[in-house]
């Protein structure tokens, strides 16, 4: 067998293996266990500098802070109570509507810990695009905004404190900056997003010293 012909056979075999692996991956996703109807998805975000550990319902305990600001979305039953633990201690028992996505923001009222709930349900549904969701979690920032840096188009503007907004984008390379009024955060490059990805951008810090961080959103696996 000549070397060129042997190389061709090897390339065809490798292509077949790759196609088979891809097909198996698609089938694994198609037949993976899915949450029952009426399930909802809840995560906790930490807008502060000091890290904390958060656990939602029966989901895993996860540390969130500067490097990773939000947990993955835990799966809970809609209209049924679930516990939220912070640093191993029960911090609250909540419930959310069925078939929703929610982000919980912990806050202290005096010495008591409570949560504000941000509804993440409304968003981009285009599977051929990626979704950006922007959160204004900065202290004393009456209208947060996000734009392409430097001097690029505005993606979000006038987002109220504790509010969020989402939009679909083509998965392209970009560098973003957020801020309050004239004050802008250091620039943050977007990672290489794929169609169907959901990327969260958190404006934290203060109105005078805004900080922008981001991460790809994820959901806990479901097992019966």
N, C-alpha and C. Protein backbone atom coordinates (compact mmCIF):
# COMPACT_ATOMS: atom_id res chain seq x y z
N UNK A 1 0.86 -1.20 0.00
CA UNK A 1 0.00 0.00 0.00
C UNK A 1 0.89 1.23 0.00
N UNK A 2 0.65 2.17 -0.91
CA UNK A 2 1.46 3.37 -0.98
C UNK A 2 1.13 4.29 0.17
N UNK A 3 2.11 5.15 0.53
CA UNK A 3 1.91 6.06 1.66
C UNK A 3 0.75 7.01 1.43
N UNK A 4 0.57 7.66 0.25
CA UNK A 4 -0.58 8.57 0.07
C UNK A 4 -1.91 7.85 0.27
N UNK A 5 -2.00 6.59 -0.25
CA UNK A 5 -3.26 5.86 -0.10
C UNK A 5 -3.50 5.49 1.37
N UNK A 6 -2.41 5.11 2.06
CA UNK A 6 -2.53 4.78 3.49
C UNK A 6 -2.98 6.00 4.28
N UNK A 7 -2.45 7.18 3.93
CA UNK A 7 -2.84 8.41 4.62
C UNK A 7 -4.31 8.73 4.37
N UNK A 8 -4.77 8.46 3.14
CA UNK A 8 -6.17 8.72 2.83
C UNK A 8 -7.08 7.82 3.64
N UNK A 9 -6.73 6.54 3.75
CA UNK A 9 -7.52 5.59 4.53
C UNK A 9 -7.57 6.03 5.99
N UNK A 10 -6.41 6.47 6.52
CA UNK A 10 -6.35 6.90 7.92
C UNK A 10 -7.22 8.13 8.14
N UNK A 11 -7.18 9.08 7.20
CA UNK A 11 -7.99 10.30 7.34
C UNK A 11 -9.48 9.97 7.32
N UNK A 12 -9.87 9.04 6.44
CA UNK A 12 -11.29 8.66 6.38
C UNK A 12 -11.70 7.99 7.67
N UNK A 13 -10.83 7.14 8.22
CA UNK A 13 -11.15 6.45 9.47
C UNK A 13 -11.30 7.44 10.61
N UNK A 14 -10.38 8.40 10.68
CA UNK A 14 -10.46 9.41 11.74
C UNK A 14 -11.71 10.25 11.60
N UNK A 15 -12.08 10.61 10.37
CA UNK A 15 -13.29 11.39 10.15
C UNK A 15 -14.52 10.61 10.59
N UNK A 16 -14.53 9.32 10.29
CA UNK A 16 -15.66 8.49 10.70
C UNK A 16 -15.76 8.41 12.21
N UNK A 17 -14.60 8.28 12.87
CA UNK A 17 -14.59 8.23 14.34
C UNK A 17 -15.11 9.54 14.92
N UNK A 18 -14.66 10.66 14.34
CA UNK A 18 -15.10 11.97 14.83
C UNK A 18 -16.60 12.14 14.63
N UNK A 19 -17.10 11.72 13.45
CA UNK A 19 -18.53 11.83 13.19
C UNK A 19 -19.32 10.96 14.16
N UNK A 20 -18.80 9.75 14.43
CA UNK A 20 -19.48 8.86 15.36
C UNK A 20 -19.52 9.45 16.75
N UNK A 21 -18.38 10.04 17.20
CA UNK A 21 -18.34 10.66 18.52
C UNK A 21 -19.30 11.83 18.62
N UNK A 22 -19.36 12.63 17.54
CA UNK A 22 -20.28 13.77 17.55
C UNK A 22 -21.72 13.29 17.62
N UNK A 23 -22.03 12.23 16.86
CA UNK A 23 -23.39 11.69 16.89
C UNK A 23 -23.74 11.17 18.28
N UNK A 24 -22.78 10.48 18.91
CA UNK A 24 -23.02 9.98 20.26
C UNK A 24 -23.27 11.13 21.23
N UNK A 25 -22.52 12.25 21.03
CA UNK A 25 -22.72 13.42 21.90
C UNK A 25 -24.11 14.00 21.75
N UNK A 26 -24.59 14.08 20.50
CA UNK A 26 -25.94 14.60 20.24
C UNK A 26 -26.98 13.68 20.85
N UNK A 27 -26.80 12.37 20.68
CA UNK A 27 -27.75 11.41 21.24
C UNK A 27 -27.75 11.46 22.76
N UNK A 28 -26.56 11.66 23.35
CA UNK A 28 -26.47 11.74 24.81
C UNK A 28 -27.28 12.93 25.32
N UNK A 29 -27.18 14.06 24.60
CA UNK A 29 -27.95 15.23 25.00
C UNK A 29 -29.45 15.00 24.78
N UNK A 30 -29.79 14.32 23.67
CA UNK A 30 -31.19 14.11 23.33
C UNK A 30 -31.88 13.23 24.36
N UNK A 31 -31.17 12.21 24.83
CA UNK A 31 -31.79 11.25 25.73
C UNK A 31 -31.35 11.44 27.18
N UNK A 32 -30.66 12.53 27.49
CA UNK A 32 -30.28 12.80 28.87
C UNK A 32 -31.53 13.07 29.70
N UNK A 33 -31.46 12.72 30.98
CA UNK A 33 -32.60 12.97 31.87
C UNK A 33 -32.88 14.46 31.95
N UNK A 34 -34.15 14.81 31.85
CA UNK A 34 -34.54 16.22 31.88
C UNK A 34 -35.46 16.47 33.08
N UNK A 35 -35.41 17.68 33.63
CA UNK A 35 -36.29 17.99 34.77
C UNK A 35 -37.75 17.89 34.35
N UNK A 36 -38.63 17.51 35.27
CA UNK A 36 -40.05 17.43 34.92
C UNK A 36 -40.65 18.81 34.66
N UNK A 37 -41.76 18.84 33.97
CA UNK A 37 -42.46 20.11 33.72
C UNK A 37 -42.77 20.80 35.04
N UNK A 38 -42.64 22.11 35.03
CA UNK A 38 -42.88 22.87 36.26
C UNK A 38 -41.64 23.12 37.08
N UNK A 39 -40.50 22.54 36.64
CA UNK A 39 -39.24 22.80 37.35
C UNK A 39 -38.77 24.23 37.07
N UNK A 40 -38.01 24.77 38.00
CA UNK A 40 -37.44 26.10 37.83
C UNK A 40 -35.95 26.06 38.14
N UNK A 41 -35.25 27.15 37.80
CA UNK A 41 -33.80 27.19 37.89
C UNK A 41 -33.40 28.44 38.66
N UNK A 42 -32.59 28.25 39.69
CA UNK A 42 -32.25 29.35 40.60
C UNK A 42 -30.75 29.33 40.87
N UNK A 43 -30.14 30.51 40.88
CA UNK A 43 -28.73 30.62 41.24
C UNK A 43 -28.54 31.79 42.19
N UNK A 44 -27.36 31.85 42.79
CA UNK A 44 -26.99 32.95 43.69
C UNK A 44 -25.79 33.67 43.08
N UNK A 45 -25.81 35.01 43.12
CA UNK A 45 -24.68 35.81 42.67
C UNK A 45 -24.12 36.57 43.86
N UNK A 46 -22.80 36.70 43.90
CA UNK A 46 -22.12 37.43 44.96
C UNK A 46 -21.51 38.70 44.38
N UNK A 47 -22.11 39.87 44.62
CA UNK A 47 -21.57 41.11 44.06
C UNK A 47 -20.45 41.73 44.88
N UNK A 48 -20.05 41.07 45.95
CA UNK A 48 -19.09 41.65 46.88
C UNK A 48 -17.69 41.06 46.68
N UNK A 49 -16.72 41.66 47.35
CA UNK A 49 -15.33 41.24 47.20
C UNK A 49 -15.07 39.94 47.95
N UNK A 50 -15.58 39.84 49.19
CA UNK A 50 -15.30 38.67 50.00
C UNK A 50 -16.07 37.46 49.47
N UNK A 51 -15.41 36.30 49.29
CA UNK A 51 -16.10 35.12 48.78
C UNK A 51 -17.07 34.56 49.80
N UNK A 52 -18.06 33.83 49.29
CA UNK A 52 -18.99 33.12 50.15
C UNK A 52 -19.34 31.79 49.50
N UNK A 53 -19.88 30.89 50.30
CA UNK A 53 -20.32 29.60 49.79
C UNK A 53 -21.85 29.57 49.78
N UNK A 54 -22.41 29.17 48.65
CA UNK A 54 -23.87 29.15 48.51
C UNK A 54 -24.34 27.77 48.10
N UNK A 55 -25.48 27.36 48.66
CA UNK A 55 -26.11 26.10 48.29
C UNK A 55 -27.61 26.31 48.18
N UNK A 56 -28.19 25.85 47.08
CA UNK A 56 -29.62 26.02 46.81
C UNK A 56 -30.27 24.65 46.82
N UNK A 57 -31.26 24.46 47.70
CA UNK A 57 -31.95 23.18 47.75
C UNK A 57 -30.98 22.04 47.94
N UNK A 58 -31.11 21.03 47.07
CA UNK A 58 -30.24 19.86 47.12
C UNK A 58 -29.04 19.98 46.18
N UNK A 59 -28.83 21.18 45.62
CA UNK A 59 -27.70 21.38 44.72
C UNK A 59 -26.38 21.39 45.47
N UNK A 60 -25.26 21.40 44.75
CA UNK A 60 -23.95 21.39 45.40
C UNK A 60 -23.63 22.74 46.03
N UNK A 61 -22.85 22.74 47.10
CA UNK A 61 -22.34 23.98 47.68
C UNK A 61 -21.23 24.50 46.77
N UNK A 62 -21.28 25.78 46.44
CA UNK A 62 -20.31 26.37 45.51
C UNK A 62 -19.77 27.67 46.08
N UNK A 63 -18.47 27.88 45.93
CA UNK A 63 -17.86 29.13 46.37
C UNK A 63 -17.92 30.15 45.25
N UNK A 64 -18.40 31.34 45.57
CA UNK A 64 -18.51 32.41 44.59
C UNK A 64 -17.86 33.67 45.15
N UNK A 65 -17.17 34.40 44.28
CA UNK A 65 -16.46 35.61 44.70
C UNK A 65 -15.87 36.31 43.50
N UNK A 66 -14.61 36.69 43.58
CA UNK A 66 -14.00 37.47 42.52
C UNK A 66 -13.80 36.66 41.24
N UNK A 67 -13.39 35.40 41.36
CA UNK A 67 -13.08 34.62 40.17
C UNK A 67 -14.33 34.07 39.49
N UNK A 68 -15.34 33.81 40.28
CA UNK A 68 -16.58 33.24 39.75
C UNK A 68 -17.72 33.78 40.59
N UNK A 69 -18.51 34.65 40.01
CA UNK A 69 -19.44 35.43 40.82
C UNK A 69 -20.79 34.77 41.06
N UNK A 70 -21.15 33.80 40.26
CA UNK A 70 -22.47 33.19 40.41
C UNK A 70 -22.36 31.67 40.41
N UNK A 71 -23.26 31.04 41.13
CA UNK A 71 -23.35 29.59 41.08
C UNK A 71 -23.97 29.17 39.75
N UNK A 72 -23.93 27.89 39.47
CA UNK A 72 -24.76 27.37 38.39
C UNK A 72 -26.22 27.41 38.83
N UNK A 73 -27.12 27.31 37.87
CA UNK A 73 -28.55 27.29 38.20
C UNK A 73 -28.91 25.93 38.80
N UNK A 74 -29.41 25.95 40.03
CA UNK A 74 -29.91 24.73 40.65
C UNK A 74 -31.34 24.47 40.19
N UNK A 75 -31.72 23.20 40.14
CA UNK A 75 -33.06 22.82 39.70
C UNK A 75 -33.94 22.66 40.94
N UNK A 76 -35.04 23.40 40.98
CA UNK A 76 -35.98 23.32 42.10
C UNK A 76 -37.38 23.10 41.54
N UNK A 77 -38.32 22.76 42.41
CA UNK A 77 -39.70 22.57 42.00
C UNK A 77 -40.45 23.90 42.10
N UNK A 78 -41.12 24.29 41.02
CA UNK A 78 -41.87 25.52 41.03
C UNK A 78 -42.99 25.51 42.06
N UNK A 79 -43.18 26.67 42.71
CA UNK A 79 -44.24 26.84 43.72
C UNK A 79 -44.06 25.93 44.93
N UNK A 80 -42.84 25.47 45.16
CA UNK A 80 -42.55 24.69 46.36
C UNK A 80 -41.32 25.28 47.05
N UNK A 81 -41.32 25.33 48.38
CA UNK A 81 -40.22 25.97 49.10
C UNK A 81 -38.90 25.21 48.96
N UNK A 82 -37.82 25.96 48.93
CA UNK A 82 -36.48 25.37 48.94
C UNK A 82 -35.60 26.23 49.84
N UNK A 83 -34.59 25.61 50.43
CA UNK A 83 -33.68 26.31 51.34
C UNK A 83 -32.50 26.88 50.58
N UNK A 84 -32.01 28.00 51.06
CA UNK A 84 -30.77 28.59 50.56
C UNK A 84 -29.82 28.70 51.75
N UNK A 85 -28.64 28.12 51.60
CA UNK A 85 -27.64 28.17 52.65
C UNK A 85 -26.45 29.00 52.20
N UNK A 86 -26.00 29.87 53.09
CA UNK A 86 -24.83 30.70 52.84
C UNK A 86 -23.79 30.35 53.90
N UNK A 87 -22.61 29.96 53.42
CA UNK A 87 -21.52 29.55 54.32
C UNK A 87 -21.98 28.47 55.30
N UNK A 88 -22.79 27.56 54.79
CA UNK A 88 -23.22 26.42 55.58
C UNK A 88 -24.40 26.66 56.49
N UNK A 89 -24.89 27.89 56.56
CA UNK A 89 -26.00 28.22 57.46
C UNK A 89 -27.26 28.55 56.66
N UNK A 90 -28.39 28.13 57.19
CA UNK A 90 -29.65 28.43 56.53
C UNK A 90 -29.86 29.94 56.49
N UNK A 91 -30.00 30.49 55.28
CA UNK A 91 -30.16 31.94 55.12
C UNK A 91 -31.57 32.32 54.71
N UNK A 92 -32.35 31.36 54.27
CA UNK A 92 -33.72 31.68 53.88
C UNK A 92 -34.39 30.50 53.21
N UNK A 93 -35.70 30.52 53.21
CA UNK A 93 -36.50 29.54 52.48
C UNK A 93 -37.38 30.31 51.51
N UNK A 94 -37.26 30.00 50.23
CA UNK A 94 -37.95 30.75 49.19
C UNK A 94 -38.73 29.80 48.30
N UNK A 95 -39.52 30.38 47.41
CA UNK A 95 -40.12 29.62 46.33
C UNK A 95 -40.30 30.54 45.13
N UNK A 96 -40.27 29.93 43.96
CA UNK A 96 -40.40 30.68 42.71
C UNK A 96 -41.48 30.03 41.86
N UNK A 97 -41.94 30.77 40.87
CA UNK A 97 -42.97 30.26 39.97
C UNK A 97 -42.41 29.13 39.12
N UNK A 98 -43.27 28.24 38.62
CA UNK A 98 -42.80 27.15 37.76
C UNK A 98 -42.23 27.68 36.45
N UNK A 99 -41.30 26.93 35.88
CA UNK A 99 -40.75 27.20 34.54
C UNK A 99 -40.11 28.58 34.45
N UNK A 100 -39.35 28.95 35.48
CA UNK A 100 -38.69 30.25 35.48
C UNK A 100 -37.20 30.09 35.79
N UNK A 101 -36.44 31.12 35.45
CA UNK A 101 -35.04 31.25 35.82
C UNK A 101 -34.91 32.47 36.73
N UNK A 102 -34.19 32.34 37.84
CA UNK A 102 -34.06 33.44 38.79
C UNK A 102 -32.62 33.52 39.31
N UNK A 103 -32.17 34.76 39.56
CA UNK A 103 -30.89 35.00 40.21
C UNK A 103 -31.15 35.67 41.55
N UNK A 104 -30.59 35.11 42.61
CA UNK A 104 -30.75 35.64 43.96
C UNK A 104 -29.53 36.48 44.33
N UNK A 105 -29.79 37.68 44.85
CA UNK A 105 -28.72 38.57 45.28
C UNK A 105 -28.81 38.71 46.79
N UNK A 106 -27.84 38.18 47.55
CA UNK A 106 -27.91 38.31 49.01
C UNK A 106 -27.63 39.74 49.45
N UNK A 107 -28.31 40.17 50.49
CA UNK A 107 -28.09 41.50 51.05
C UNK A 107 -28.36 41.46 52.54
N UNK A 108 -27.74 42.35 53.26
CA UNK A 108 -27.93 42.40 54.71
C UNK A 108 -28.77 43.61 55.09
N UNK A 109 -29.87 43.34 55.78
CA UNK A 109 -30.71 44.39 56.33
C UNK A 109 -30.46 44.40 57.84
N UNK A 110 -29.56 45.31 58.26
CA UNK A 110 -29.10 45.26 59.64
C UNK A 110 -28.22 44.04 59.78
N UNK A 111 -28.52 43.15 60.69
CA UNK A 111 -27.73 41.94 60.84
C UNK A 111 -28.37 40.74 60.17
N UNK A 112 -29.49 40.95 59.49
CA UNK A 112 -30.22 39.83 58.90
C UNK A 112 -29.95 39.73 57.40
N UNK A 113 -29.73 38.48 56.93
CA UNK A 113 -29.48 38.24 55.52
C UNK A 113 -30.79 37.96 54.80
N UNK A 114 -31.01 38.64 53.69
CA UNK A 114 -32.18 38.39 52.86
C UNK A 114 -31.74 38.36 51.40
N UNK A 115 -32.70 38.14 50.50
CA UNK A 115 -32.37 38.02 49.08
C UNK A 115 -33.33 38.86 48.25
N UNK A 116 -32.78 39.55 47.26
CA UNK A 116 -33.61 40.12 46.21
C UNK A 116 -33.57 39.14 45.04
N UNK A 117 -34.69 39.06 44.31
CA UNK A 117 -34.84 38.07 43.25
C UNK A 117 -34.91 38.79 41.90
N UNK A 118 -34.03 38.40 40.99
CA UNK A 118 -34.03 38.96 39.64
C UNK A 118 -34.57 37.89 38.69
N UNK A 119 -35.57 38.25 37.91
CA UNK A 119 -36.19 37.31 36.97
C UNK A 119 -35.35 37.23 35.70
N UNK A 120 -34.79 36.06 35.43
CA UNK A 120 -33.97 35.84 34.23
C UNK A 120 -34.74 35.15 33.12
N UNK A 121 -36.04 35.00 33.27
CA UNK A 121 -36.80 34.17 32.33
C UNK A 121 -36.88 34.77 30.94
N UNK A 122 -37.10 36.07 30.85
CA UNK A 122 -37.22 36.71 29.54
C UNK A 122 -35.83 36.91 28.96
N UNK A 123 -35.60 36.38 27.79
CA UNK A 123 -34.28 36.52 27.18
C UNK A 123 -34.31 36.09 25.74
N UNK A 124 -33.11 35.99 25.17
CA UNK A 124 -32.98 35.63 23.77
C UNK A 124 -33.25 34.14 23.58
N UNK A 125 -33.99 33.80 22.55
CA UNK A 125 -34.34 32.41 22.27
C UNK A 125 -33.74 31.93 20.95
N UNK A 126 -32.86 32.71 20.34
CA UNK A 126 -32.28 32.36 19.05
C UNK A 126 -31.12 31.40 19.26
N UNK A 127 -31.29 30.13 18.87
CA UNK A 127 -30.26 29.11 19.09
C UNK A 127 -29.03 29.34 18.23
N UNK A 128 -29.14 30.19 17.20
CA UNK A 128 -27.99 30.46 16.33
C UNK A 128 -27.13 31.60 16.87
N UNK A 129 -27.58 32.23 17.96
CA UNK A 129 -26.83 33.33 18.54
C UNK A 129 -26.51 33.05 20.00
N UNK A 130 -25.63 33.86 20.55
CA UNK A 130 -25.34 33.81 21.99
C UNK A 130 -26.16 34.88 22.69
N UNK A 131 -26.39 34.69 23.98
CA UNK A 131 -27.14 35.68 24.76
C UNK A 131 -26.22 36.37 25.75
N UNK A 132 -26.30 37.69 25.80
CA UNK A 132 -25.65 38.47 26.85
C UNK A 132 -26.72 38.93 27.82
N UNK A 133 -26.48 38.75 29.11
CA UNK A 133 -27.39 39.27 30.13
C UNK A 133 -26.56 40.13 31.08
N UNK A 134 -26.98 41.38 31.22
CA UNK A 134 -26.25 42.38 32.00
C UNK A 134 -27.00 42.71 33.28
N UNK A 135 -26.26 42.74 34.40
CA UNK A 135 -26.83 43.01 35.72
C UNK A 135 -26.18 44.26 36.32
N UNK A 136 -26.99 45.17 36.83
CA UNK A 136 -26.48 46.33 37.55
C UNK A 136 -26.53 46.02 39.04
N UNK A 137 -25.40 45.59 39.60
CA UNK A 137 -25.30 45.26 41.01
C UNK A 137 -24.33 46.18 41.73
N UNK A 138 -23.98 47.30 41.11
CA UNK A 138 -23.06 48.25 41.72
C UNK A 138 -23.76 49.07 42.79
N UNK A 139 -23.01 49.48 43.79
CA UNK A 139 -23.58 50.31 44.85
C UNK A 139 -23.80 51.73 44.35
N UNK A 140 -24.97 52.29 44.63
CA UNK A 140 -25.28 53.68 44.31
C UNK A 140 -25.15 54.00 42.83
N UNK A 141 -25.56 53.08 41.99
CA UNK A 141 -25.52 53.31 40.54
C UNK A 141 -26.95 53.37 40.02
N UNK A 142 -27.51 54.55 39.79
CA UNK A 142 -28.92 54.66 39.41
C UNK A 142 -29.22 54.18 37.99
N UNK A 143 -28.22 54.14 37.13
CA UNK A 143 -28.46 53.73 35.74
C UNK A 143 -27.18 53.14 35.17
N UNK A 144 -27.10 51.81 35.20
CA UNK A 144 -25.91 51.13 34.69
C UNK A 144 -25.98 50.94 33.19
N UNK A 145 -24.80 50.86 32.57
CA UNK A 145 -24.75 50.66 31.13
C UNK A 145 -23.58 49.80 30.73
N UNK A 146 -23.66 49.24 29.52
CA UNK A 146 -22.61 48.39 28.98
C UNK A 146 -22.42 48.73 27.52
N UNK A 147 -21.17 48.84 27.10
CA UNK A 147 -20.90 49.18 25.71
C UNK A 147 -19.64 48.46 25.24
N UNK A 148 -19.47 48.42 23.93
CA UNK A 148 -18.25 47.87 23.34
C UNK A 148 -17.14 48.89 23.54
N UNK A 149 -15.97 48.42 23.97
CA UNK A 149 -14.85 49.32 24.27
C UNK A 149 -13.76 49.14 23.21
N UNK A 150 -13.09 50.23 22.84
CA UNK A 150 -13.38 51.63 23.22
C UNK A 150 -14.30 52.30 22.20
N UNK A 151 -15.14 53.16 22.69
CA UNK A 151 -15.99 54.02 21.84
C UNK A 151 -16.86 53.24 20.88
N UNK A 152 -17.31 52.05 21.31
CA UNK A 152 -18.17 51.25 20.46
C UNK A 152 -19.63 51.48 20.77
N UNK A 153 -20.50 50.70 20.15
CA UNK A 153 -21.94 50.88 20.36
C UNK A 153 -22.35 50.51 21.79
N UNK A 154 -23.43 51.13 22.25
CA UNK A 154 -23.99 50.84 23.57
C UNK A 154 -24.88 49.60 23.45
N UNK A 155 -24.64 48.63 24.30
CA UNK A 155 -25.42 47.40 24.29
C UNK A 155 -26.59 47.46 25.27
N UNK A 156 -26.36 48.06 26.44
CA UNK A 156 -27.40 48.24 27.45
C UNK A 156 -27.22 49.62 28.06
N UNK A 157 -28.33 50.27 28.38
CA UNK A 157 -28.23 51.56 29.05
C UNK A 157 -29.40 51.73 30.01
N UNK A 158 -29.17 52.56 31.01
CA UNK A 158 -30.20 52.93 31.98
C UNK A 158 -30.81 51.71 32.68
N UNK A 159 -29.94 50.76 33.05
CA UNK A 159 -30.41 49.60 33.81
C UNK A 159 -30.46 49.99 35.28
N UNK A 160 -31.62 49.87 35.87
CA UNK A 160 -31.82 50.34 37.25
C UNK A 160 -31.07 49.46 38.24
N UNK A 161 -30.87 49.96 39.47
CA UNK A 161 -30.18 49.16 40.49
C UNK A 161 -30.91 47.83 40.74
N UNK A 162 -30.14 46.75 40.75
CA UNK A 162 -30.73 45.44 40.96
C UNK A 162 -31.48 44.91 39.75
N UNK A 163 -31.36 45.58 38.61
CA UNK A 163 -32.06 45.17 37.41
C UNK A 163 -31.15 44.45 36.43
N UNK A 164 -31.75 43.87 35.41
CA UNK A 164 -30.98 43.18 34.38
C UNK A 164 -31.69 43.33 33.04
N UNK A 165 -30.95 43.05 31.98
CA UNK A 165 -31.51 43.05 30.63
C UNK A 165 -30.69 42.08 29.80
N UNK A 166 -31.31 41.56 28.72
CA UNK A 166 -30.64 40.57 27.89
C UNK A 166 -30.84 40.90 26.42
N UNK A 167 -29.91 40.42 25.60
CA UNK A 167 -30.04 40.56 24.16
C UNK A 167 -29.23 39.46 23.48
N UNK A 168 -29.62 39.13 22.26
CA UNK A 168 -28.90 38.14 21.48
C UNK A 168 -27.83 38.83 20.64
N UNK A 169 -26.69 38.16 20.51
CA UNK A 169 -25.61 38.68 19.68
C UNK A 169 -25.04 37.56 18.83
N UNK A 170 -24.41 37.92 17.74
CA UNK A 170 -23.63 36.94 16.99
C UNK A 170 -22.37 36.63 17.79
N UNK A 171 -21.94 35.37 17.84
CA UNK A 171 -20.74 35.02 18.62
C UNK A 171 -19.48 35.60 17.98
N UNK A 172 -19.12 36.82 18.35
CA UNK A 172 -17.96 37.50 17.78
C UNK A 172 -17.04 37.93 18.92
N UNK A 173 -15.81 38.28 18.56
CA UNK A 173 -14.86 38.79 19.53
C UNK A 173 -15.17 40.25 19.81
N UNK A 174 -15.10 40.62 21.09
CA UNK A 174 -15.37 42.01 21.47
C UNK A 174 -14.78 42.26 22.84
N UNK A 175 -14.52 43.52 23.12
CA UNK A 175 -14.08 43.96 24.44
C UNK A 175 -15.12 44.92 24.97
N UNK A 176 -15.57 44.71 26.21
CA UNK A 176 -16.69 45.46 26.77
C UNK A 176 -16.24 46.26 27.99
N UNK A 177 -17.00 47.31 28.26
CA UNK A 177 -16.80 48.10 29.48
C UNK A 177 -18.18 48.51 29.99
N UNK A 178 -18.31 48.58 31.30
CA UNK A 178 -19.57 48.98 31.91
C UNK A 178 -19.32 50.16 32.81
N UNK A 179 -20.40 50.82 33.21
CA UNK A 179 -20.20 51.94 34.09
C UNK A 179 -21.48 52.62 34.49
N UNK A 180 -21.25 53.71 35.24
CA UNK A 180 -22.32 54.54 35.77
C UNK A 180 -22.00 55.96 35.36
N UNK A 181 -22.79 56.55 34.49
CA UNK A 181 -22.49 57.90 34.07
C UNK A 181 -21.17 57.96 33.32
N UNK A 182 -20.31 58.87 33.75
CA UNK A 182 -19.03 59.06 33.06
C UNK A 182 -17.97 58.07 33.51
N UNK A 183 -18.20 57.35 34.60
CA UNK A 183 -17.20 56.43 35.13
C UNK A 183 -17.35 55.06 34.46
N UNK A 184 -16.24 54.56 33.92
CA UNK A 184 -16.27 53.27 33.22
C UNK A 184 -15.35 52.27 33.91
N UNK A 185 -15.71 51.02 33.82
CA UNK A 185 -14.91 49.94 34.38
C UNK A 185 -13.71 49.65 33.49
N UNK A 186 -12.70 48.96 34.00
CA UNK A 186 -11.67 48.42 33.11
C UNK A 186 -12.30 47.51 32.07
N UNK A 187 -11.70 47.44 30.89
CA UNK A 187 -12.26 46.67 29.79
C UNK A 187 -12.21 45.18 30.09
N UNK A 188 -13.22 44.46 29.60
CA UNK A 188 -13.33 43.01 29.79
C UNK A 188 -13.51 42.36 28.43
N UNK A 189 -12.56 41.51 27.99
CA UNK A 189 -12.75 40.81 26.71
C UNK A 189 -13.76 39.68 26.85
N UNK A 190 -14.63 39.55 25.86
CA UNK A 190 -15.55 38.42 25.83
C UNK A 190 -14.79 37.15 25.49
N UNK A 191 -15.14 36.01 26.10
CA UNK A 191 -14.54 34.75 25.67
C UNK A 191 -15.12 34.33 24.33
N UNK A 192 -14.59 33.25 23.79
CA UNK A 192 -15.10 32.72 22.52
C UNK A 192 -16.44 32.03 22.78
N UNK A 193 -17.52 32.73 22.50
CA UNK A 193 -18.86 32.19 22.73
C UNK A 193 -19.32 31.36 21.54
N UNK A 194 -20.17 30.39 21.83
CA UNK A 194 -20.75 29.54 20.79
C UNK A 194 -22.25 29.84 20.67
N UNK A 195 -22.86 29.55 19.54
CA UNK A 195 -24.31 29.70 19.43
C UNK A 195 -25.02 28.92 20.54
N UNK A 196 -25.97 29.56 21.17
CA UNK A 196 -26.69 28.93 22.27
C UNK A 196 -26.10 29.20 23.64
N UNK A 197 -24.88 29.76 23.71
CA UNK A 197 -24.28 30.10 25.00
C UNK A 197 -25.03 31.27 25.65
N UNK A 198 -25.04 31.28 26.97
CA UNK A 198 -25.60 32.38 27.74
C UNK A 198 -24.48 32.94 28.62
N UNK A 199 -24.18 34.21 28.43
CA UNK A 199 -23.05 34.83 29.15
C UNK A 199 -23.58 35.96 30.02
N UNK A 200 -23.23 35.89 31.31
CA UNK A 200 -23.68 36.90 32.27
C UNK A 200 -22.58 37.92 32.52
N UNK A 201 -22.97 39.19 32.58
CA UNK A 201 -22.04 40.29 32.84
C UNK A 201 -22.55 41.04 34.06
N UNK A 202 -21.70 41.13 35.10
CA UNK A 202 -22.09 41.71 36.37
C UNK A 202 -21.34 43.02 36.60
N UNK A 203 -22.10 44.12 36.69
CA UNK A 203 -21.52 45.41 37.08
C UNK A 203 -21.56 45.48 38.60
N UNK A 204 -20.38 45.56 39.23
CA UNK A 204 -20.29 45.62 40.68
C UNK A 204 -19.40 46.81 41.05
N UNK A 205 -18.92 46.82 42.29
CA UNK A 205 -18.14 47.96 42.75
C UNK A 205 -19.06 49.10 43.15
N UNK A 206 -18.64 50.30 42.85
CA UNK A 206 -19.43 51.49 43.16
C UNK A 206 -19.58 52.35 41.92
N UNK A 207 -20.42 53.37 42.03
CA UNK A 207 -20.62 54.28 40.90
C UNK A 207 -19.32 55.01 40.56
N UNK A 208 -18.48 55.24 41.57
CA UNK A 208 -17.22 55.94 41.34
C UNK A 208 -16.11 55.00 40.86
N UNK A 209 -16.21 53.71 41.20
CA UNK A 209 -15.19 52.74 40.81
C UNK A 209 -15.89 51.45 40.34
N UNK A 210 -16.51 51.50 39.17
CA UNK A 210 -17.25 50.32 38.69
C UNK A 210 -16.31 49.20 38.26
N UNK A 211 -16.79 47.98 38.42
CA UNK A 211 -16.05 46.78 38.05
C UNK A 211 -16.97 45.90 37.20
N UNK A 212 -16.44 45.32 36.14
CA UNK A 212 -17.21 44.44 35.28
C UNK A 212 -16.58 43.06 35.27
N UNK A 213 -17.39 42.05 35.57
CA UNK A 213 -16.93 40.66 35.49
C UNK A 213 -17.99 39.85 34.76
N UNK A 214 -17.56 38.71 34.21
CA UNK A 214 -18.50 37.89 33.46
C UNK A 214 -18.20 36.42 33.57
N UNK A 215 -19.19 35.60 33.23
CA UNK A 215 -19.01 34.16 33.19
C UNK A 215 -20.11 33.53 32.35
N UNK A 216 -19.79 32.38 31.78
CA UNK A 216 -20.78 31.61 31.04
C UNK A 216 -21.75 30.99 32.05
N UNK A 217 -23.03 31.11 31.79
CA UNK A 217 -24.04 30.55 32.68
C UNK A 217 -24.16 29.04 32.46
N UNK A 218 -24.41 28.31 33.54
CA UNK A 218 -24.56 26.87 33.45
C UNK A 218 -25.68 26.38 34.36
N UNK A 219 -26.16 25.18 34.12
CA UNK A 219 -27.24 24.57 34.90
C UNK A 219 -26.77 23.25 35.47
N UNK A 220 -27.14 22.97 36.70
CA UNK A 220 -26.80 21.70 37.31
C UNK A 220 -27.39 20.55 36.49
N UNK A 221 -26.68 19.44 36.38
CA UNK A 221 -27.27 18.28 35.68
C UNK A 221 -28.43 17.72 36.49
N UNK A 222 -29.39 17.17 35.77
CA UNK A 222 -30.55 16.60 36.44
C UNK A 222 -30.44 15.09 36.43
N UNK A 223 -30.70 14.50 37.58
CA UNK A 223 -30.73 13.04 37.68
C UNK A 223 -31.99 12.62 38.41
N UNK A 224 -32.63 11.58 37.94
CA UNK A 224 -33.88 11.12 38.55
C UNK A 224 -33.61 10.48 39.90
